[in-house]
Protein backbone atom coordinates (compact mmCIF):
# COMPACT_ATOMS: atom_id res chain seq x y z
CA UNK A 1 -31.46 17.75 4.25
CA UNK A 2 -33.78 18.67 6.77
CA UNK A 3 -36.84 16.29 7.44
CA UNK A 4 -39.54 17.42 4.68
CA UNK A 5 -42.83 18.66 6.33
CA UNK A 6 -46.63 18.28 5.47
CA UNK A 7 -48.21 20.87 3.43
CA UNK A 8 -47.36 24.65 5.32
CA UNK A 9 -49.73 27.40 5.62
CA UNK A 10 -48.89 30.75 4.07
CA UNK A 11 -48.06 31.84 7.24
CA UNK A 12 -45.91 28.91 8.70
CA UNK A 13 -44.03 29.34 5.78
CA UNK A 14 -43.52 33.48 6.40
CA UNK A 15 -42.60 32.11 9.68
CA UNK A 16 -40.19 29.77 8.35
CA UNK A 17 -38.48 32.53 6.28
CA UNK A 18 -38.08 35.21 9.27
CA UNK A 19 -36.80 32.12 10.87
CA UNK A 20 -33.77 31.38 8.03
CA UNK A 21 -33.25 34.71 7.23
CA UNK A 22 -31.95 35.34 11.05
CA UNK A 23 -29.61 32.36 10.82
CA UNK A 24 -28.26 33.16 7.17
CA UNK A 25 -27.49 36.17 8.50
CA UNK A 26 -25.15 34.68 10.95
CA UNK A 27 -23.72 32.26 8.94
CA UNK A 28 -20.29 33.13 7.31
CA UNK A 29 -19.23 29.70 5.65
CA UNK A 30 -20.19 29.64 1.83
CA UNK A 31 -20.52 26.36 2.25
CA UNK A 32 -22.98 26.06 5.25
CA UNK A 33 -25.38 28.84 3.69
CA UNK A 34 -25.42 27.50 0.16
CA UNK A 35 -26.67 23.90 1.89
CA UNK A 36 -28.74 25.56 4.04
CA UNK A 37 -30.82 27.65 1.15
CA UNK A 38 -31.97 24.45 -1.13
CA UNK A 39 -32.32 22.59 1.83
CA UNK A 40 -34.87 24.96 2.99
CA UNK A 41 -36.19 25.54 -0.57
CA UNK A 42 -37.00 21.77 -0.43
CA UNK A 43 -38.89 22.47 1.99
CA UNK A 44 -40.91 25.66 1.75
CA UNK A 45 -41.96 24.19 -1.71
CA UNK A 46 -42.12 20.76 -1.28
CA UNK A 47 -39.73 19.95 -3.62
CA UNK A 48 -37.60 16.59 -4.31
CA UNK A 49 -34.66 18.69 -5.03
CA UNK A 50 -32.86 21.94 -4.87
CA UNK A 51 -29.89 23.89 -6.56
CA UNK A 52 -27.68 26.95 -6.60
CA UNK A 53 -26.22 28.07 -9.60
CA UNK A 54 -23.50 30.62 -9.50
CA UNK A 55 -22.29 32.89 -12.46
CA UNK A 56 -18.94 32.12 -13.36
CA UNK A 57 -17.79 35.50 -15.47
CA UNK A 58 -14.55 34.23 -16.58
CA UNK A 59 -16.38 31.42 -18.26
CA UNK A 60 -19.60 33.17 -18.69
CA UNK A 61 -21.54 30.37 -17.69
CA UNK A 62 -23.57 29.25 -14.39
CA UNK A 63 -21.65 26.64 -12.35
CA UNK A 64 -23.52 24.42 -9.69
CA UNK A 65 -22.32 25.79 -6.35
CA UNK A 66 -24.81 23.45 -4.14
CA UNK A 67 -26.63 20.93 -4.51
CA UNK A 68 -27.77 17.27 -2.96
CA UNK A 69 -24.83 15.59 -1.44
CA UNK A 70 -25.18 12.69 -3.73
CA UNK A 71 -24.98 14.36 -6.92
CA UNK A 72 -22.65 17.22 -5.93
CA UNK A 73 -19.35 16.11 -7.11
CA UNK A 74 -20.81 14.96 -10.29
CA UNK A 75 -22.85 18.64 -10.90
CA UNK A 76 -19.93 20.63 -9.79
CA UNK A 77 -18.15 19.26 -13.14
CA UNK A 78 -20.97 20.75 -15.83
CA UNK A 79 -21.38 24.01 -16.88
CA UNK A 80 -24.93 25.34 -17.58
CA UNK A 81 -24.87 27.53 -20.56
CA UNK A 82 -26.94 30.77 -21.19
CA UNK A 83 -28.51 30.49 -24.24
CA UNK A 84 -30.36 26.95 -24.50
CA UNK A 85 -30.88 26.50 -20.05
CA UNK A 86 -33.65 27.13 -17.77
CA UNK A 87 -31.07 28.61 -15.63
CA UNK A 88 -29.83 30.55 -18.69
CA UNK A 89 -33.22 32.00 -19.59
CA UNK A 90 -33.32 33.15 -15.81
CA UNK A 91 -29.82 34.68 -14.93
CA UNK A 92 -29.92 36.50 -18.21
CA UNK A 93 -33.73 38.13 -18.05
CA UNK A 94 -33.83 38.35 -13.96
CA UNK A 95 -37.01 37.16 -14.29
CA UNK A 96 -38.50 33.30 -12.90
CA UNK A 97 -40.06 30.71 -14.82
CA UNK A 98 -41.68 27.81 -14.20
CA UNK A 99 -42.26 24.67 -16.47
CA UNK A 100 -45.05 22.16 -14.70
CA UNK A 101 -44.55 19.16 -17.04
CA UNK A 102 -40.43 19.64 -18.34
CA UNK A 103 -40.77 16.10 -20.08
CA UNK A 104 -40.34 17.87 -24.06
CA UNK A 105 -39.77 21.02 -22.89
CA UNK A 106 -37.11 22.56 -25.03
CA UNK A 107 -35.50 24.86 -22.90
CA UNK A 108 -34.68 21.95 -20.15
CA UNK A 109 -30.81 21.36 -20.27
CA UNK A 110 -30.63 18.09 -20.85
CA UNK A 111 -27.49 17.15 -20.14
CA UNK A 112 -27.50 17.24 -16.74
CA UNK A 113 -30.72 14.62 -16.38
CA UNK A 114 -27.91 12.46 -18.50
CA UNK A 115 -25.00 12.81 -16.28
CA UNK A 116 -27.02 11.97 -13.43
CA UNK A 117 -29.69 9.19 -14.83
CA UNK A 118 -32.22 11.75 -13.35
CA UNK A 119 -35.44 12.41 -14.79
CA UNK A 120 -37.06 16.08 -14.32
CA UNK A 121 -40.90 16.54 -14.19
CA UNK A 122 -40.94 20.19 -13.20
CA UNK A 123 -38.69 23.37 -12.65
CA UNK A 124 -39.20 26.31 -10.23
CA UNK A 125 -36.47 29.22 -10.51
CA UNK A 126 -36.02 32.40 -9.99
CA UNK A 127 -33.01 34.61 -9.91
CA UNK A 128 -30.54 35.37 -7.04
CA UNK A 129 -30.28 39.38 -7.37
CA UNK A 130 -28.45 42.03 -5.59
CA UNK A 131 -29.75 45.62 -5.68
CA UNK A 132 -29.40 45.53 -9.77
CA UNK A 133 -26.89 42.49 -10.48
CA UNK A 134 -28.19 39.08 -11.08
CA UNK A 135 -25.48 36.54 -9.33
CA UNK A 136 -26.99 33.34 -10.00
CA UNK A 137 -29.84 30.88 -10.02
CA UNK A 138 -32.22 28.98 -7.05
CA UNK A 139 -34.10 26.11 -8.37
CA UNK A 140 -36.45 23.85 -6.96
CA UNK A 141 -36.99 20.93 -9.26
CA UNK A 142 -39.74 18.05 -9.09
CA UNK A 143 -42.58 18.99 -6.88
CA UNK A 144 -43.87 16.18 -4.46
CA UNK A 145 -46.59 13.65 -5.26
CA UNK A 146 -46.18 14.82 -9.29
CA UNK A 147 -48.31 18.07 -8.06
CA UNK A 148 -47.80 21.89 -9.83
CA UNK A 149 -45.91 24.72 -8.48
CA UNK A 150 -48.10 27.18 -7.45
CA UNK A 151 -48.30 30.82 -6.99
CA UNK A 152 -47.60 30.32 -3.45
CA UNK A 153 -44.35 28.15 -4.16
CA UNK A 154 -43.04 30.61 -6.48
CA UNK A 155 -43.58 33.61 -3.56
CA UNK A 156 -42.33 32.17 -1.27
CA UNK A 157 -39.44 30.92 -3.57
CA UNK A 158 -38.42 34.63 -5.11
CA UNK A 159 -38.59 35.80 -1.31
CA UNK A 160 -36.07 33.03 0.07
CA UNK A 161 -33.55 34.49 -3.15
CA UNK A 162 -33.55 37.68 -2.17
CA UNK A 163 -32.49 37.20 1.46
CA UNK A 164 -30.12 34.72 0.13
CA UNK A 165 -28.46 36.59 -2.49
CA UNK A 166 -27.72 39.48 -0.26
CA UNK A 167 -26.41 36.70 2.56
CA UNK A 168 -24.36 35.06 0.11
CA UNK A 169 -23.16 38.48 -1.45
CA UNK A 170 -22.62 39.09 2.12
CA UNK A 171 -20.08 35.69 2.84
CA UNK A 172 -18.45 36.22 -0.26
CA UNK A 173 -17.31 39.96 0.21
CA UNK A 174 -16.16 38.68 3.63
CA UNK A 175 -14.07 36.10 1.84
CA UNK A 176 -12.47 38.75 -0.74
CA UNK A 177 -11.83 40.92 2.29
CA UNK A 178 -9.91 37.70 4.46
CA UNK A 179 -7.85 37.24 1.09
CA UNK A 180 -7.03 40.37 0.56
CA UNK A 181 -5.74 41.06 4.05
CA UNK A 182 -3.97 37.77 4.27
CA UNK A 183 -2.13 38.82 0.27
CA UNK A 184 -1.06 42.74 2.03
CA UNK A 185 0.34 40.87 5.01
CA UNK A 186 2.03 38.92 2.48
CA UNK A 187 3.03 41.39 0.24
CA UNK A 188 3.98 43.17 3.73
CA UNK A 189 6.04 40.39 4.68
CA UNK A 190 7.90 40.72 1.69
CA UNK A 191 8.54 44.16 1.81
CA UNK A 192 9.87 43.46 6.01
CA UNK A 193 12.00 41.10 4.46
CA UNK A 194 13.87 43.33 1.83
CA UNK A 195 13.91 45.71 4.08
CA UNK A 196 16.33 43.68 6.38
CA UNK A 197 17.80 42.18 4.01
CA UNK A 198 18.89 44.83 1.50
CA UNK A 199 20.12 47.05 4.73
CA UNK A 200 22.43 44.21 5.76
CA UNK A 201 23.85 43.26 2.48
CA UNK A 202 24.20 47.02 1.30
CA UNK A 203 25.99 47.73 4.79
CA UNK A 204 29.91 46.10 4.47
CA UNK A 205 30.15 47.04 0.45
CA UNK A 206 29.46 50.33 1.28
CA UNK A 207 31.84 50.71 4.60
CA UNK A 208 34.41 49.37 1.94
CA UNK A 209 33.55 52.68 -0.47
CA UNK A 210 33.51 54.96 2.50
CA UNK A 211 36.52 53.52 3.66
CA UNK A 212 38.82 53.51 0.66
CA UNK A 213 37.38 57.21 -0.97
CA UNK A 214 38.15 58.25 1.63
CA UNK A 215 41.69 56.87 2.10
CA UNK A 216 42.39 57.75 -1.43
CA UNK A 217 41.00 61.62 -1.02
CA UNK A 218 44.16 62.64 0.97
CA UNK A 219 46.61 61.08 -2.08
CA UNK A 220 44.30 62.09 -5.07
CA UNK A 221 45.16 66.10 -6.79
CA UNK A 222 43.51 68.90 -6.15
CA UNK A 223 41.95 68.70 -9.68
CA UNK A 224 40.10 65.52 -8.91
CA UNK A 225 39.42 66.76 -5.26
CA UNK A 226 35.81 67.76 -6.71
CA UNK A 227 34.68 64.19 -8.40
CA UNK A 228 36.03 62.59 -4.56
CA UNK A 229 34.05 64.63 -2.85
CA UNK A 230 30.93 63.63 -4.79
CA UNK A 231 31.40 60.10 -4.52
CA UNK A 232 31.47 60.33 -0.50
CA UNK A 233 28.86 62.70 -0.10
CA UNK A 234 27.14 60.20 -2.62
CA UNK A 235 28.14 56.88 -0.12
CA UNK A 236 26.74 59.01 2.87
CA UNK A 237 23.33 60.07 1.45
CA UNK A 238 23.42 56.00 0.43
CA UNK A 239 24.79 54.96 4.05
CA UNK A 240 21.94 57.39 5.71
CA UNK A 241 18.98 55.41 3.60
CA UNK A 242 20.74 52.06 4.90
CA UNK A 243 20.50 53.33 8.41
CA UNK A 244 16.49 54.07 8.17
CA UNK A 245 16.22 51.18 6.40
CA UNK A 246 17.88 49.01 9.27
CA UNK A 247 16.15 51.10 11.83
CA UNK A 248 12.94 50.07 10.57
CA UNK A 249 13.59 46.22 10.11
CA UNK A 250 15.36 46.68 13.53
CA UNK A 251 12.03 48.08 15.02
CA UNK A 252 9.75 45.31 13.13
CA UNK A 253 11.89 42.55 14.62
CA UNK A 254 11.19 43.96 18.22
CA UNK A 255 14.60 44.10 18.45
CA UNK A 256 14.77 48.25 19.24
CA UNK A 257 14.63 49.08 22.76
CA UNK A 258 14.00 52.23 24.91
CA UNK A 259 17.12 52.52 26.96
CA UNK A 260 16.11 55.50 29.93
CA UNK A 261 18.03 58.25 30.74
CA UNK A 262 17.04 62.06 31.52
CA UNK A 263 18.00 64.20 29.05
CA UNK A 264 16.74 67.73 27.78
CA UNK A 265 14.10 67.93 25.28
CA UNK A 266 14.96 72.14 25.31
CA UNK A 267 18.40 71.25 24.59
CA UNK A 268 17.92 68.82 21.88
CA UNK A 269 15.75 71.04 19.95
CA UNK A 270 18.59 73.61 20.16
CA UNK A 271 20.77 71.50 18.86
CA UNK A 272 18.58 69.98 16.14
CA UNK A 273 18.37 73.59 14.95
CA UNK A 274 21.59 74.13 14.97
CA UNK A 275 22.31 70.66 12.57
CA UNK A 276 20.02 71.99 10.41
CA UNK A 277 20.59 75.44 10.42
CA UNK A 278 23.07 75.61 7.13
CA UNK A 279 20.98 72.96 5.17
CA UNK A 280 18.14 75.57 5.36
CA UNK A 281 20.49 78.57 4.66
CA UNK A 282 21.86 76.82 1.54
CA UNK A 283 17.59 76.37 0.87
CA UNK A 284 17.21 80.18 1.16
CA UNK A 285 14.82 78.55 4.20
CA UNK A 286 14.38 80.27 7.28
CA UNK A 287 14.20 77.99 10.58
CA UNK A 288 13.67 78.88 13.78
CA UNK A 289 12.92 77.40 17.31
CA UNK A 290 11.18 78.15 20.25
CA UNK A 291 10.98 76.61 23.78
CA UNK A 292 10.50 77.32 27.25
CA UNK A 293 12.77 80.36 29.03
CA UNK A 294 14.70 78.64 32.22
CA UNK A 295 12.90 75.27 31.38
CA UNK A 296 15.06 72.23 30.66
CA UNK A 297 11.87 70.18 29.87
CA UNK A 298 13.31 66.85 31.45
CA UNK A 299 12.55 63.75 30.05
CA UNK A 300 13.66 60.10 30.91
CA UNK A 301 13.79 58.18 27.84
CA UNK A 302 16.16 56.86 24.92
CA UNK A 303 17.57 60.58 24.15
CA UNK A 304 18.84 58.94 20.46
CA UNK A 305 15.36 57.53 19.28
CA UNK A 306 13.85 60.51 20.55
CA UNK A 307 16.22 62.33 18.21
CA UNK A 308 15.78 60.58 15.43
CA UNK A 309 12.33 61.18 15.68
CA UNK A 310 12.90 65.00 15.51
CA UNK A 311 15.77 65.05 12.98
CA UNK A 312 13.66 63.01 10.66
CA UNK A 313 10.57 65.43 10.65
CA UNK A 314 12.72 68.57 10.19
CA UNK A 315 14.36 66.62 7.29
CA UNK A 316 10.83 66.63 5.97
CA UNK A 317 10.12 69.87 6.37
CA UNK A 318 13.33 71.08 4.53
CA UNK A 319 12.82 68.11 1.38
CA UNK A 320 9.32 69.43 1.20
CA UNK A 321 9.59 73.24 1.45
CA UNK A 322 10.72 74.98 -1.36
CA UNK A 323 13.10 78.67 -1.26
CA UNK A 324 11.36 81.56 0.80
CA UNK A 325 9.76 79.25 2.61
CA UNK A 326 9.80 78.94 6.83
CA UNK A 327 10.50 75.89 9.41
CA UNK A 328 9.70 76.16 12.94
CA UNK A 329 10.64 73.79 16.01
CA UNK A 330 8.69 74.41 18.95
CA UNK A 331 8.70 72.43 22.45
CA UNK A 332 6.23 72.41 25.30
CA UNK A 333 5.48 70.29 28.53
CA UNK A 334 5.39 69.63 32.30
CA UNK A 335 5.42 66.33 34.50
CA UNK A 336 3.21 64.45 32.29
CA UNK A 337 3.70 64.54 28.43
CA UNK A 338 6.35 66.58 26.73
CA UNK A 339 4.56 67.82 23.06
CA UNK A 340 6.99 68.51 20.38
CA UNK A 341 5.82 70.63 16.87
CA UNK A 342 7.49 70.74 13.66
CA UNK A 343 5.43 72.94 11.25
CA UNK A 344 6.22 74.27 7.70
CA UNK A 345 5.11 76.52 4.63
CA UNK A 346 5.85 73.40 2.29
CA UNK A 347 4.12 72.06 -0.37
CA UNK A 348 1.54 70.65 2.07
CA UNK A 349 -0.46 67.54 1.74
CA UNK A 350 -3.81 65.80 -0.17
CA UNK A 351 -6.74 65.91 2.80
CA UNK A 352 -7.23 62.46 1.68
CA UNK A 353 -3.63 61.08 2.30
CA UNK A 354 -2.80 62.62 5.55
CA UNK A 355 -3.18 59.11 7.26
CA UNK A 356 -0.71 57.79 4.97
CA UNK A 357 2.25 59.94 5.53
CA UNK A 358 3.56 57.92 8.27
CA UNK A 359 3.49 54.49 6.07
CA UNK A 360 6.84 53.27 5.15
CA UNK A 361 7.93 54.23 1.42
CA UNK A 362 5.18 56.82 1.55
CA UNK A 363 5.48 59.75 -0.95
CA UNK A 364 3.26 62.85 -1.00
CA UNK A 365 4.86 62.98 -5.12
CA UNK A 366 4.51 60.85 -7.75
CA UNK A 367 7.47 59.15 -8.18
CA UNK A 368 7.29 59.87 -12.07
CA UNK A 369 7.19 63.85 -11.10
CA UNK A 370 8.53 64.14 -7.77
CA UNK A 371 11.25 66.69 -7.54
CA UNK A 372 11.78 66.46 -3.67
CA UNK A 373 13.70 64.32 -1.95
CA UNK A 374 13.82 60.85 -0.23
CA UNK A 375 12.51 57.77 -0.08
CA UNK A 376 9.26 58.17 2.29
CA UNK A 377 10.77 56.31 5.68
CA UNK A 378 11.92 59.01 7.77
CA UNK A 379 8.19 59.49 9.11
CA UNK A 380 7.84 56.10 9.83
CA UNK A 381 11.17 55.88 11.75
CA UNK A 382 9.74 59.03 13.43
CA UNK A 383 6.75 57.44 14.11
CA UNK A 384 8.27 53.97 15.09
CA UNK A 385 10.56 56.06 17.52
CA UNK A 386 7.83 57.84 19.27
CA UNK A 387 5.45 55.24 19.73
CA UNK A 388 8.15 52.81 21.41
CA UNK A 389 8.11 55.60 24.31
CA UNK A 390 4.48 54.62 24.12
CA UNK A 391 3.31 58.58 22.74
CA UNK A 392 1.66 59.41 19.92
CA UNK A 393 2.39 61.33 16.38
CA UNK A 394 0.08 63.08 14.07
CA UNK A 395 -0.10 65.01 11.29
CA UNK A 396 -2.28 68.46 10.20
CA UNK A 397 -1.73 69.58 6.53
CA UNK A 398 -3.45 71.55 3.77
CA UNK A 399 -2.48 70.99 0.28
CA UNK A 400 -0.13 74.01 -0.92
CA UNK A 401 0.47 76.01 2.37
CA UNK A 402 2.16 73.59 4.79
CA UNK A 403 1.69 71.31 7.43
CA UNK A 404 2.38 70.68 10.80
CA UNK A 405 3.83 67.55 12.67
CA UNK A 406 3.65 66.66 16.50
CA UNK A 407 4.66 63.97 18.86
CA UNK A 408 3.66 64.15 22.23
CA UNK A 409 5.84 61.46 24.63
CA UNK A 410 5.75 61.16 28.60
CA UNK A 411 7.76 62.46 30.39
CA UNK A 412 9.26 59.40 31.97
CA UNK A 413 8.90 55.89 32.54
CA UNK A 414 5.57 55.58 34.94
CA UNK A 415 3.90 57.83 33.11
CA UNK A 416 4.65 56.03 29.71
CA UNK A 417 3.60 52.71 31.39
CA UNK A 418 0.40 55.25 32.50
CA UNK A 419 -0.06 55.76 28.31
CA UNK A 420 0.84 52.12 27.15
CA UNK A 421 -2.36 51.16 29.56
CA UNK A 422 -4.24 53.83 28.45
CA UNK A 423 -3.82 52.79 24.89
CA UNK A 424 -4.70 49.45 25.15
CA UNK A 425 -7.75 49.61 27.17
CA UNK A 426 -8.49 52.08 23.76
């Protein structure tokens, strides 16, 4: 507690309030902040002690959160009822209260004096309010020299309480955000661990299933071939999911590496078109591609990873485009950067969810109502494959109209390093 000062003039009190206001706004530790407030409350009102009681919504009582050091541990064990205490009345009514003679006042909660072996002689209490919500009470107890609390004391304590309530709420919000962030990090680690473990543990039994199913397919009678093909197709679908999960796990664990070799992005686009042409035809979707004439769009990068990114974008377009729709693939670029676009006339994405489409397991549709397939890993993998090349990927979409996905990657290693430096400095 700070050293007591003599009787302060009104202007000195205001100067002190301004000074403490700046200090409070810069204090991010709640305990330190609360101790500072009661210290200044004693100083400005010339009181023996001061305390802060905050509302415990779970128990419906007030609890001492800041009090003189010698009584702190004892006071933390006390719950102050709202219906039979001065602090409770102040909190409930959101109004200040002054009691000049507390010896026989029935509103004083005597249990505090009994436990502390203390004698409360006078009380000045004000609510701690943020906007229209009261969060607690600031009390000053026992005016020095048996004097009475004045209107100036009330005014200065209300001003301090107004500043303190905002500072307290800001620190509490910051602590809540930090706790939420830590919980999100914990959940994200759990999700990453699940992906890594599941992809590893499922790979071996699935390989056995595929191996035996393929072997048995050669020996079973023709009338059972269709059932065996269903088994193999389903196993292959599961294999693709596991490979997606494995790609995510490797990227998060830093195991993904770019193996650079020159390749033609134009040729890759054409090959991707050919890869998905039959699937699009089965779904009655028109698919096409557009690449520069007589220009190979040579990129020095990891062709396999860029192929994975592009394939996942096209596969996503097929999943979310219904019969009669259209899908287009386009590539363009120069010696600096290469851009690849995938556009569709599918269901589109709500405007407030566009930024989330690259999150792992994100689904445009609710899992209860969705009719399109996929686990929500494809776009996340595409993003990882592009970013490992120091590229960028984004989406533009209009719900009910369709979506455009685009990724931009540096044409060679030198440009990639330059792009990485730009991203880091930005």
